[in-house]
C-alpha atoms as a PDB file:
ATOM      1  CA  MET A   1     138.982  90.988 157.481  1.00  0.00           C
ATOM      2  CA  ASP A   2     139.675  92.892 160.742  1.00  0.00           C
ATOM      3  CA  GLN A   3     142.104  90.135 162.433  1.00  0.00           C
ATOM      4  CA  THR A   4     145.617  91.132 162.210  1.00  0.00           C
ATOM      5  CA  GLY A   5     148.215  88.073 161.299  1.00  0.00           C
ATOM      6  CA  ARG A   6     151.679  87.418 162.203  1.00  0.00           C
ATOM      7  CA  LEU A   7     153.030  88.557 159.511  1.00  0.00           C
ATOM      8  CA  GLY A   8     151.380  91.389 159.571  1.00  0.00           C
ATOM      9  CA  TYR A   9     148.471  91.470 156.984  1.00  0.00           C
ATOM     10  CA  PRO A  10     144.646  90.583 157.860  1.00  0.00           C
ATOM     11  CA  VAL A  11     143.527  86.871 158.262  1.00  0.00           C
ATOM     12  CA  THR A  12     140.567  85.546 156.350  1.00  0.00           C
ATOM     13  CA  ASP A  13     137.941  85.165 158.404  1.00  0.00           C
ATOM     14  CA  ASN A  14     137.878  81.648 157.533  1.00  0.00           C
ATOM     15  CA  ASP A  15     140.583  80.529 157.989  1.00  0.00           C
ATOM     16  CA  VAL A  16     143.438  81.832 160.346  1.00  0.00           C
ATOM     17  CA  GLY A  17     146.061  79.554 158.192  1.00  0.00           C
ATOM     18  CA  MET A  18     145.559  81.587 155.088  1.00  0.00           C
ATOM     19  CA  TYR A  19     146.697  85.733 154.723  1.00  0.00           C
ATOM     20  CA  GLU A  20     145.785  88.229 152.312  1.00  0.00           C
ATOM     21  CA  HIS A  21     147.267  91.748 151.118  1.00  0.00           C
ATOM     22  CA  ALA A  22     144.961  93.860 148.718  1.00  0.00           C
ATOM     23  CA  LYS A  23     145.702  97.947 147.809  1.00  0.00           C
ATOM     24  CA  THR A  24     142.128  97.835 145.626  1.00  0.00           C
ATOM     25  CA  VAL A  25     139.524  95.359 144.723  1.00  0.00           C
ATOM     26  CA  ALA A  26     141.546  94.482 141.604  1.00  0.00           C
ATOM     27  CA  GLU A  27     144.837  93.338 143.362  1.00  0.00           C
ATOM     28  CA  ILE A  28     144.486  91.035 145.662  1.00  0.00           C
ATOM     29  CA  VAL A  29     147.681  88.368 146.533  1.00  0.00           C
ATOM     30  CA  LEU A  30     146.495  85.047 149.012  1.00  0.00           C
ATOM     31  CA  GLY A  31     149.464  83.336 150.322  1.00  0.00           C
ATOM     32  CA  LYS A  32     150.274  80.142 152.575  1.00  0.00           C
ATOM     33  CA  PRO A  33     152.180  81.531 156.251  1.00  0.00           C
ATOM     34  CA  ASN A  34     155.324  80.339 155.059  1.00  0.00           C
ATOM     35  CA  VAL A  35     157.790  83.270 156.441  1.00  0.00           C
ATOM     36  CA  GLN A  36     160.390  81.922 153.545  1.00  0.00           C
ATOM     37  CA  LEU A  37     158.007  81.961 150.890  1.00  0.00           C
ATOM     38  CA  LEU A  38     155.768  84.972 151.456  1.00  0.00           C
ATOM     39  CA  THR A  39     157.818  87.494 152.522  1.00  0.00           C
ATOM     40  CA  PRO A  40     159.998  87.843 150.051  1.00  0.00           C
ATOM     41  CA  LEU A  41     157.084  87.796 147.355  1.00  0.00           C
ATOM     42  CA  MET A  42     155.395  90.592 148.958  1.00  0.00           C
ATOM     43  CA  ALA A  43     158.442  92.508 148.872  1.00  0.00           C
ATOM     44  CA  SER A  44     159.569  91.232 145.395  1.00  0.00           C
ATOM     45  CA  GLU A  45     161.066  93.673 142.845  1.00  0.00           C
ATOM     46  CA  ASP A  46     158.600  91.189 140.447  1.00  0.00           C
ATOM     47  CA  PHE A  47     155.200  91.941 142.432  1.00  0.00           C
ATOM     48  CA  SER A  48     156.354  95.903 142.282  1.00  0.00           C
ATOM     49  CA  PHE A  49     156.544  95.653 138.837  1.00  0.00           C
ATOM     50  CA  PHE A  50     153.123  94.471 138.029  1.00  0.00           C
ATOM     51  CA  THR A  51     151.504  96.585 140.384  1.00  0.00           C
ATOM     52  CA  HIS A  52     153.036  99.507 138.419  1.00  0.00           C
ATOM     53  CA  ARG A  53     152.859  98.434 134.872  1.00  0.00           C
ATOM     54  CA  VAL A  54     149.500  96.860 135.174  1.00  0.00           C
ATOM     55  CA  PRO A  55     147.645  98.816 138.067  1.00  0.00           C
ATOM     56  CA  SER A  56     144.160  97.131 136.475  1.00  0.00           C
ATOM     57  CA  ALA A  57     145.650  93.544 137.116  1.00  0.00           C
ATOM     58  CA  MET A  58     144.274  91.357 139.479  1.00  0.00           C
ATOM     59  CA  PHE A  59     147.404  88.849 141.341  1.00  0.00           C
ATOM     60  CA  PHE A  60     146.586  85.331 142.489  1.00  0.00           C
ATOM     61  CA  ILE A  61     149.363  83.618 143.532  1.00  0.00           C
ATOM     62  CA  GLY A  62     150.337  80.384 145.220  1.00  0.00           C
ATOM     63  CA  ILE A  63     154.073  80.222 145.296  1.00  0.00           C
ATOM     64  CA  LYS A  64     156.928  82.014 143.916  1.00  0.00           C
ATOM     65  CA  ASN A  65     159.907  80.468 142.077  1.00  0.00           C
ATOM     66  CA  MET A  66     162.681  82.908 143.018  1.00  0.00           C
ATOM     67  CA  THR A  67     164.895  81.714 139.974  1.00  0.00           C
ATOM     68  CA  HIS A  68     162.278  82.740 137.510  1.00  0.00           C
ATOM     69  CA  VAL A  69     161.255  86.532 136.519  1.00  0.00           C
ATOM     70  CA  ALA A  70     157.330  88.030 136.433  1.00  0.00           C
ATOM     71  CA  HIS A  71     157.713  88.583 132.898  1.00  0.00           C
ATOM     72  CA  ASN A  72     158.910  85.387 132.295  1.00  0.00           C
ATOM     73  CA  LEU A  73     156.189  82.527 130.429  1.00  0.00           C
ATOM     74  CA  HIS A  74     156.340  79.572 132.862  1.00  0.00           C
ATOM     75  CA  SER A  75     156.087  82.067 135.933  1.00  0.00           C
ATOM     76  CA  PRO A  76     153.539  80.949 138.556  1.00  0.00           C
ATOM     77  CA  TYR A  77     152.203  84.130 138.521  1.00  0.00           C
ATOM     78  CA  PHE A  78     148.237  84.153 137.278  1.00  0.00           C
ATOM     79  CA  ILE A  79     147.958  87.668 136.324  1.00  0.00           C
ATOM     80  CA  ILE A  80     143.998  88.563 135.282  1.00  0.00           C
ATOM     81  CA  ASP A  81     142.673  91.924 134.066  1.00  0.00           C
ATOM     82  CA  GLU A  82     140.047  93.387 136.147  1.00  0.00           C
ATOM     83  CA  GLU A  83     137.416  93.026 132.736  1.00  0.00           C
ATOM     84  CA  VAL A  84     136.802  89.659 134.280  1.00  0.00           C
ATOM     85  CA  LEU A  85     136.521  90.205 137.860  1.00  0.00           C
ATOM     86  CA  PRO A  86     134.191  89.355 139.531  1.00  0.00           C
ATOM     87  CA  LEU A  87     135.348  85.563 138.942  1.00  0.00           C
ATOM     88  CA  GLY A  88     139.258  85.831 138.097  1.00  0.00           C
ATOM     89  CA  ALA A  89     140.592  83.661 140.748  1.00  0.00           C
ATOM     90  CA  ALA A  90     138.204  81.119 140.502  1.00  0.00           C
ATOM     91  CA  LEU A  91     139.211  80.159 137.235  1.00  0.00           C
ATOM     92  CA  HIS A  92     139.768  76.047 137.353  1.00  0.00           C
ATOM     93  CA  ALA A  93     141.887  73.798 134.631  1.00  0.00           C
ATOM     94  CA  ALA A  94     139.183  72.043 133.892  1.00  0.00           C
ATOM     95  CA  VAL A  95     136.670  74.737 133.108  1.00  0.00           C
ATOM     96  CA  ALA A  96     139.587  75.963 130.575  1.00  0.00           C
ATOM     97  CA  ILE A  97     139.860  72.810 129.196  1.00  0.00           C
ATOM     98  CA  SER A  98     136.046  72.331 128.886  1.00  0.00           C
ATOM     99  CA  TYR A  99     135.682  75.434 127.056  1.00  0.00           C
ATOM    100  CA  LEU A 100     138.603  75.273 124.609  1.00  0.00           C
ATOM    101  CA  ASP A 101     137.446  71.790 123.918  1.00  0.00           C
ATOM    102  CA  SER A 102     134.095  73.072 123.110  1.00  0.00           C
ATOM    103  CA  HIS A 103     135.482  75.288 120.600  1.00  0.00           C
ATOM    104  CA  GLY A 104     137.773  73.418 118.300  1.00  0.00           C
ATOM    105  CA  GLY A 105     140.398  72.987 121.197  1.00  0.00           C
ATOM    106  CA  GLY A 106     141.830  69.952 119.434  1.00  0.00           C
ATOM    107  CA  GLY A 107     142.168  67.521 122.771  1.00  0.00           C
ATOM    108  CA  ALA A 108     142.586  67.789 126.223  1.00  0.00           C
ATOM    109  CA  ASN A 109     146.174  67.333 125.782  1.00  0.00           C
ATOM    110  CA  HIS A 110     146.398  70.430 123.216  1.00  0.00           C
ATOM    111  CA  SER A 111     143.485  72.516 125.634  1.00  0.00           C
ATOM    112  CA  ARG A 112     145.799  72.053 128.584  1.00  0.00           C
ATOM    113  CA  GLU A 113     148.662  73.707 126.347  1.00  0.00           C
ATOM    114  CA  LYS A 114     147.093  76.263 125.638  1.00  0.00           C
ATOM    115  CA  VAL A 115     146.217  77.224 128.866  1.00  0.00           C
ATOM    116  CA  GLY A 116     149.499  76.937 130.157  1.00  0.00           C
ATOM    117  CA  ALA A 117     151.276  78.695 127.522  1.00  0.00           C
ATOM    118  CA  GLY A 118     148.502  81.510 127.792  1.00  0.00           C
ATOM    119  CA  THR A 119     148.656  82.603 131.104  1.00  0.00           C
ATOM    120  CA  PHE A 120     150.746  85.264 130.897  1.00  0.00           C
ATOM    121  CA  GLU A 121     150.108  85.873 127.741  1.00  0.00           C
ATOM    122  CA  GLY A 122     146.012  86.421 128.057  1.00  0.00           C
ATOM    123  CA  VAL A 123     147.158  89.813 129.572  1.00  0.00           C
ATOM    124  CA  VAL A 124     150.248  90.805 128.131  1.00  0.00           C
ATOM    125  CA  VAL A 125     149.934  90.544 124.541  1.00  0.00           C
ATOM    126  CA  GLU A 126     146.235  89.559 124.274  1.00  0.00           C
ATOM    127  CA  HIS A 127     145.666  86.494 123.048  1.00  0.00           C
ATOM    128  CA  GLU A 128     142.407  85.699 120.975  1.00  0.00           C
ATOM    129  CA  GLU A 129     141.501  82.438 122.433  1.00  0.00           C
ATOM    130  CA  ILE A 130     142.510  83.182 126.357  1.00  0.00           C
ATOM    131  CA  TRP A 131     140.773  86.466 126.087  1.00  0.00           C
ATOM    132  CA  SER A 132     137.547  84.435 124.953  1.00  0.00           C
ATOM    133  CA  LEU A 133     137.686  81.963 127.601  1.00  0.00           C
ATOM    134  CA  TRP A 134     138.210  84.755 130.278  1.00  0.00           C
ATOM    135  CA  GLU A 135     134.753  86.288 128.848  1.00  0.00           C
ATOM    136  CA  TRP A 136     133.326  83.295 129.061  1.00  0.00           C
ATOM    137  CA  ILE A 137     134.509  82.165 132.914  1.00  0.00           C
ATOM    138  CA  LYS A 138     133.070  86.097 133.413  1.00  0.00           C
ATOM    139  CA  HIS A 139     129.648  84.921 132.674  1.00  0.00           C
ATOM    140  CA  GLU A 140     129.337  81.607 134.013  1.00  0.00           C
ATOM    141  CA  GLU A 141     127.979  80.657 137.215  1.00  0.00           C
ATOM    142  CA  LEU A 142     130.004  79.377 140.933  1.00  0.00           C
ATOM    143  CA  ARG A 143     128.760  76.186 140.903  1.00  0.00           C
ATOM    144  CA  VAL A 144     130.134  74.294 143.934  1.00  0.00           C
ATOM    145  CA  THR A 145     129.060  70.333 144.408  1.00  0.00           C
ATOM    146  CA  GLY A 146     130.467  67.703 146.497  1.00  0.00           C
ATOM    147  CA  HIS A 147     130.571  63.767 146.766  1.00  0.00           C
ATOM    148  CA  CYS A 148     130.934  61.853 149.878  1.00  0.00           C
ATOM    149  CA  ASP A 149     130.789  57.790 150.311  1.00  0.00           C
ATOM    150  CA  ALA A 150     132.017  55.429 153.391  1.00  0.00           C
ATOM    151  CA  SER A 151     133.143  51.979 152.979  1.00  0.00           C
ATOM    152  CA  TRP A 152     131.360  49.985 156.876  1.00  0.00           C
ATOM    153  CA  GLN A 153     134.012  48.949 159.405  1.00  0.00           C
ATOM    154  CA  THR A 154     137.023  48.422 157.004  1.00  0.00           C
ATOM    155  CA  ASP A 155     139.268  48.579 159.623  1.00  0.00           C
ATOM    156  CA  LYS A 156     139.550  44.868 161.529  1.00  0.00           C
ATOM    157  CA  ASP A 157     140.669  45.578 164.669  1.00  0.00           C
ATOM    158  CA  ASP A 158     138.993  48.853 165.708  1.00  0.00           C
ATOM    159  CA  THR A 159     135.428  48.157 163.414  1.00  0.00           C
ATOM    160  CA  ARG A 160     136.109  51.619 162.437  1.00  0.00           C
ATOM    161  CA  SER A 161     134.758  52.632 158.804  1.00  0.00           C
ATOM    162  CA  GLN A 162     136.566  54.519 155.744  1.00  0.00           C
ATOM    163  CA  SER A 163     135.061  57.483 154.687  1.00  0.00           C
ATOM    164  CA  GLY A 164     135.953  60.113 152.305  1.00  0.00           C
ATOM    165  CA  TRP A 165     134.158  63.421 150.605  1.00  0.00           C
ATOM    166  CA  ILE A 166     135.854  65.433 147.728  1.00  0.00           C
ATOM    167  CA  PHE A 167     134.542  69.020 146.445  1.00  0.00           C
ATOM    168  CA  LEU A 168     134.073  70.463 143.311  1.00  0.00           C
ATOM    169  CA  LEU A 169     134.282  74.225 142.281  1.00  0.00           C
ATOM    170  CA  ASN A 170     132.893  74.280 138.514  1.00  0.00           C
ATOM    171  CA  GLY A 171     133.994  70.779 137.824  1.00  0.00           C
ATOM    172  CA  GLY A 172     137.618  70.979 139.091  1.00  0.00           C
ATOM    173  CA  ALA A 173     138.457  69.187 142.629  1.00  0.00           C
ATOM    174  CA  VAL A 174     139.547  71.916 145.229  1.00  0.00           C
ATOM    175  CA  THR A 175     139.581  70.230 148.826  1.00  0.00           C
ATOM    176  CA  TRP A 176     138.924  66.432 149.417  1.00  0.00           C
ATOM    177  CA  LYS A 177     139.260  64.234 152.663  1.00  0.00           C
ATOM    178  CA  ASN A 178     140.248  60.398 153.013  1.00  0.00           C
ATOM    179  CA  SER A 179     140.018  58.947 156.673  1.00  0.00           C
ATOM    180  CA  LYS A 180     138.387  56.521 158.954  1.00  0.00           C
ATOM    181  CA  GLN A 181     135.751  57.901 161.495  1.00  0.00           C
ATOM    182  CA  ASP A 182     136.052  58.804 165.221  1.00  0.00           C
ATOM    183  CA  THR A 183     132.954  56.827 166.318  1.00  0.00           C
ATOM    184  CA  VAL A 184     131.899  53.037 165.575  1.00  0.00           C
ATOM    185  CA  ALA A 185     128.899  52.614 163.083  1.00  0.00           C
ATOM    186  CA  ASP A 186     126.478  50.355 163.554  1.00  0.00           C
ATOM    187  CA  SER A 187     125.159  49.868 159.810  1.00  0.00           C
ATOM    188  CA  THR A 188     126.084  50.955 156.213  1.00  0.00           C
ATOM    189  CA  CYS A 189     123.510  53.483 156.550  1.00  0.00           C
ATOM    190  CA  GLU A 190     125.166  54.866 159.768  1.00  0.00           C
ATOM    191  CA  SER A 191     128.530  54.961 158.952  1.00  0.00           C
ATOM    192  CA  GLU A 192     126.937  57.306 155.443  1.00  0.00           C
ATOM    193  CA  TYR A 193     125.188  59.519 157.279  1.00  0.00           C
ATOM    194  CA  ILE A 194     128.230  60.409 160.006  1.00  0.00           C
ATOM    195  CA  LEU A 195     130.051  61.159 156.727  1.00  0.00           C
ATOM    196  CA  ALA A 196     127.004  63.320 155.658  1.00  0.00           C
ATOM    197  CA  CYS A 197     127.246  64.997 158.472  1.00  0.00           C
ATOM    198  CA  GLU A 198     131.331  65.872 158.392  1.00  0.00           C
ATOM    199  CA  ALA A 199     130.982  66.532 154.739  1.00  0.00           C
ATOM    200  CA  SER A 200     127.619  69.028 155.530  1.00  0.00           C
ATOM    201  CA  LYS A 201     130.214  70.961 157.319  1.00  0.00           C
ATOM    202  CA  GLU A 202     133.047  71.179 155.052  1.00  0.00           C
ATOM    203  CA  SER A 203     130.719  72.570 152.269  1.00  0.00           C
ATOM    204  CA  ILE A 204     129.158  75.444 154.666  1.00  0.00           C
ATOM    205  CA  TRP A 205     132.777  76.395 155.286  1.00  0.00           C
ATOM    206  CA  MET A 206     133.671  76.157 151.507  1.00  0.00           C
ATOM    207  CA  LYS A 207     130.999  78.923 151.523  1.00  0.00           C
ATOM    208  CA  ASN A 208     131.746  80.757 153.777  1.00  0.00           C
ATOM    209  CA  PHE A 209     135.165  81.082 152.539  1.00  0.00           C
ATOM    210  CA  ILE A 210     134.748  82.007 148.887  1.00  0.00           C
ATOM    211  CA  GLY A 211     132.718  84.914 150.165  1.00  0.00           C
ATOM    212  CA  ASP A 212     135.169  85.904 153.000  1.00  0.00           C
ATOM    213  CA  HIS A 213     137.114  87.542 149.533  1.00  0.00           C
ATOM    214  CA  ARG A 214     134.948  89.800 148.538  1.00  0.00           C
ATOM    215  CA  VAL A 215     136.528  89.269 145.122  1.00  0.00           C
ATOM    216  CA  VAL A 216     134.717  86.263 143.528  1.00  0.00           C
ATOM    217  CA  LEU A 217     131.012  85.937 143.446  1.00  0.00           C
ATOM    218  CA  THR A 218     129.641  84.355 146.215  1.00  0.00           C
ATOM    219  CA  VAL A 219     127.752  80.949 146.022  1.00  0.00           C
ATOM    220  CA  GLN A 220     124.168  81.990 146.592  1.00  0.00           C
ATOM    221  CA  TYR A 221     122.857  78.706 146.234  1.00  0.00           C
ATOM    222  CA  PRO A 222     122.151  75.468 148.281  1.00  0.00           C
ATOM    223  CA  ILE A 223     125.339  73.325 147.945  1.00  0.00           C
ATOM    224  CA  LYS A 224     124.890  69.761 146.389  1.00  0.00           C
ATOM    225  CA  ILE A 225     125.735  66.768 148.179  1.00  0.00           C
ATOM    226  CA  PHE A 226     125.899  63.146 146.022  1.00  0.00           C
ATOM    227  CA  CYS A 227     125.883  60.139 148.218  1.00  0.00           C
ATOM    228  CA  ASP A 228     125.392  56.712 146.692  1.00  0.00           C
ATOM    229  CA  ASN A 229     123.353  55.652 149.664  1.00  0.00           C
ATOM    230  CA  GLU A 230     119.348  56.001 149.299  1.00  0.00           C
ATOM    231  CA  SER A 231     119.045  55.720 153.185  1.00  0.00           C
ATOM    232  CA  ALA A 232     121.271  57.847 154.488  1.00  0.00           C
ATOM    233  CA  VAL A 233     119.992  60.564 152.115  1.00  0.00           C
ATOM    234  CA  THR A 234     116.555  59.838 153.260  1.00  0.00           C
ATOM    235  CA  LEU A 235     117.285  60.423 156.918  1.00  0.00           C
ATOM    236  CA  THR A 236     118.424  63.889 156.211  1.00  0.00           C
ATOM    237  CA  LYS A 237     115.588  65.079 155.031  1.00  0.00           C
ATOM    238  CA  GLU A 238     113.611  63.111 157.815  1.00  0.00           C
ATOM    239  CA  PRO A 239     112.644  65.146 160.492  1.00  0.00           C
ATOM    240  CA  ASN A 240     111.625  62.064 162.781  1.00  0.00           C
ATOM    241  CA  ASP A 241     113.592  59.651 164.601  1.00  0.00           C
ATOM    242  CA  HIS A 242     114.719  56.611 163.103  1.00  0.00           C
ATOM    243  CA  GLY A 243     115.149  53.297 164.873  1.00  0.00           C
ATOM    244  CA  LYS A 244     118.420  53.187 162.683  1.00  0.00           C
ATOM    245  CA  LEU A 245     120.216  56.192 164.148  1.00  0.00           C
ATOM    246  CA  LYS A 246     118.902  55.476 168.089  1.00  0.00           C
ATOM    247  CA  HIS A 247     122.167  55.277 169.448  1.00  0.00           C
ATOM    248  CA  THR A 248     123.926  57.938 166.816  1.00  0.00           C
ATOM    249  CA  GLU A 249     125.515  60.765 168.841  1.00  0.00           C
ATOM    250  CA  ARG A 250     123.486  64.096 168.383  1.00  0.00           C
ATOM    251  CA  LYS A 251     126.482  65.935 167.086  1.00  0.00           C
ATOM    252  CA  TYR A 252     125.966  64.236 163.554  1.00  0.00           C
ATOM    253  CA  HIS A 253     122.457  65.363 162.947  1.00  0.00           C
ATOM    254  CA  PHE A 254     123.870  68.582 162.247  1.00  0.00           C
ATOM    255  CA  VAL A 255     123.069  67.728 158.477  1.00  0.00           C
ATOM    256  CA  ARG A 256     119.385  67.767 159.315  1.00  0.00           C
ATOM    257  CA  ARG A 257     120.121  71.414 160.871  1.00  0.00           C
ATOM    258  CA  LYS A 258     122.041  72.421 157.455  1.00  0.00           C
ATOM    259  CA  VAL A 259     119.613  70.639 155.131  1.00  0.00           C
ATOM    260  CA  GLU A 260     117.264  73.344 154.643  1.00  0.00           C
ATOM    261  CA  GLY A 261     118.476  76.479 152.760  1.00  0.00           C
ATOM    262  CA  HIS A 262     122.403  75.546 153.103  1.00  0.00           C
ATOM    263  CA  VAL A 263     122.741  72.173 151.784  1.00  0.00           C
ATOM    264  CA  ILE A 264     121.232  69.596 149.463  1.00  0.00           C
ATOM    265  CA  MET A 265     121.746  65.863 149.579  1.00  0.00           C
ATOM    266  CA  LYS A 266     121.052  63.779 146.380  1.00  0.00           C
ATOM    267  CA  HIS A 267     121.621  60.292 145.648  1.00  0.00           C
ATOM    268  CA  ILE A 268     123.812  59.114 143.085  1.00  0.00           C
ATOM    269  CA  ARG A 269     124.887  55.980 141.815  1.00  0.00           C
ATOM    270  CA  SER A 270     127.809  54.586 143.168  1.00  0.00           C
ATOM    271  CA  GLU A 271     129.599  54.175 139.474  1.00  0.00           C
ATOM    272  CA  ASP A 272     129.123  57.622 139.581  1.00  0.00           C
ATOM    273  CA  ASN A 273     130.247  58.305 142.696  1.00  0.00           C
ATOM    274  CA  PRO A 274     134.191  60.466 142.521  1.00  0.00           C
ATOM    275  CA  ALA A 275     134.221  59.600 145.980  1.00  0.00           C
ATOM    276  CA  ASP A 276     133.941  55.978 145.504  1.00  0.00           C
ATOM    277  CA  GLN A 277     137.679  56.158 144.918  1.00  0.00           C
ATOM    278  CA  PHE A 278     138.569  57.045 148.663  1.00  0.00           C
ATOM    279  CA  THR A 279     136.695  53.510 150.181  1.00  0.00           C
ATOM    280  CA  LYS A 280     137.304  51.026 147.494  1.00  0.00           C
ATOM    281  CA  ALA A 281     140.428  49.747 144.957  1.00  0.00           C
ATOM    282  CA  TRP A 282     139.591  50.940 141.972  1.00  0.00           C
ATOM    283  CA  LEU A 283     140.427  49.411 138.805  1.00  0.00           C
ATOM    284  CA  CYS A 284     142.409  51.152 135.855  1.00  0.00           C
ATOM    285  CA  SER A 285     139.139  50.650 134.122  1.00  0.00           C
ATOM    286  CA  ASP A 286     136.785  52.572 136.363  1.00  0.00           C
ATOM    287  CA  THR A 287     139.401  55.542 136.803  1.00  0.00           C
ATOM    288  CA  MET A 288     139.646  55.627 132.795  1.00  0.00           C
ATOM    289  CA  ASN A 289     135.907  55.849 132.938  1.00  0.00           C
ATOM    290  CA  MET A 290     135.459  58.542 135.579  1.00  0.00           C
ATOM    291  CA  LEU A 291     137.603  60.574 133.444  1.00  0.00           C
ATOM    292  CA  GLY A 292     135.590  60.051 130.064  1.00  0.00           C
ATOM    293  CA  ALA A 293     138.908  58.638 128.346  1.00  0.00           C
END
């Protein structure tokens, strides 16, 4: 964190587009380098109010709505007491909904309302159910999983394949990508193998980025990436060259070097692969099944 950005705040080690401002381990602000939003945010009276009024709180701020004051129930401030450190800012709505539903939350929509309304309430008035949620999150592991899928020669003009991947943090989507591949693949297996390489690079970045802030727990275990092509999964673990990859560019063998200790490639059925929607047209019923509805 010794690199200083153009806004005067340290730049995170693994993402030069993210700035960090921290006074203590219990107070941290992350923001994108938008001068119009970030500078007023750091100098705002609302922020000063909370740093003095609630010195033991940690701040994770994504945006600043200038029409709302910090003590407004609908403020975009997320205030989490130090008792939930070091997992505080890693809370995701999907995890919250899972917890509330399992404890008689009364359905997904009702759970979302509770989490949203309790964001501020949890610290200020110690809303009982929200505090139970924080305590539950505190003892949960930080889990990152990835899913990837590719369709061979989707573009009929340049014969390049379409690929997509998505990464989940404790069950909630945090990063994803859908694009055409840079090179022409000779087979479905090769297009999936190329995608596995790109997905493994993203998983390494995520692991480093999470540990970069030293506030949430680092990802201590190898990240699992699920792929629905068994041949591609096998090739990532096979040390010997294979005829299917004889003409594949060397840079795409990155996943083989990282598969030991950092990345674990796993097979998943196509119908259970959430990344499948990046490369194929989905029916409404497919979407509802994936959502568990």
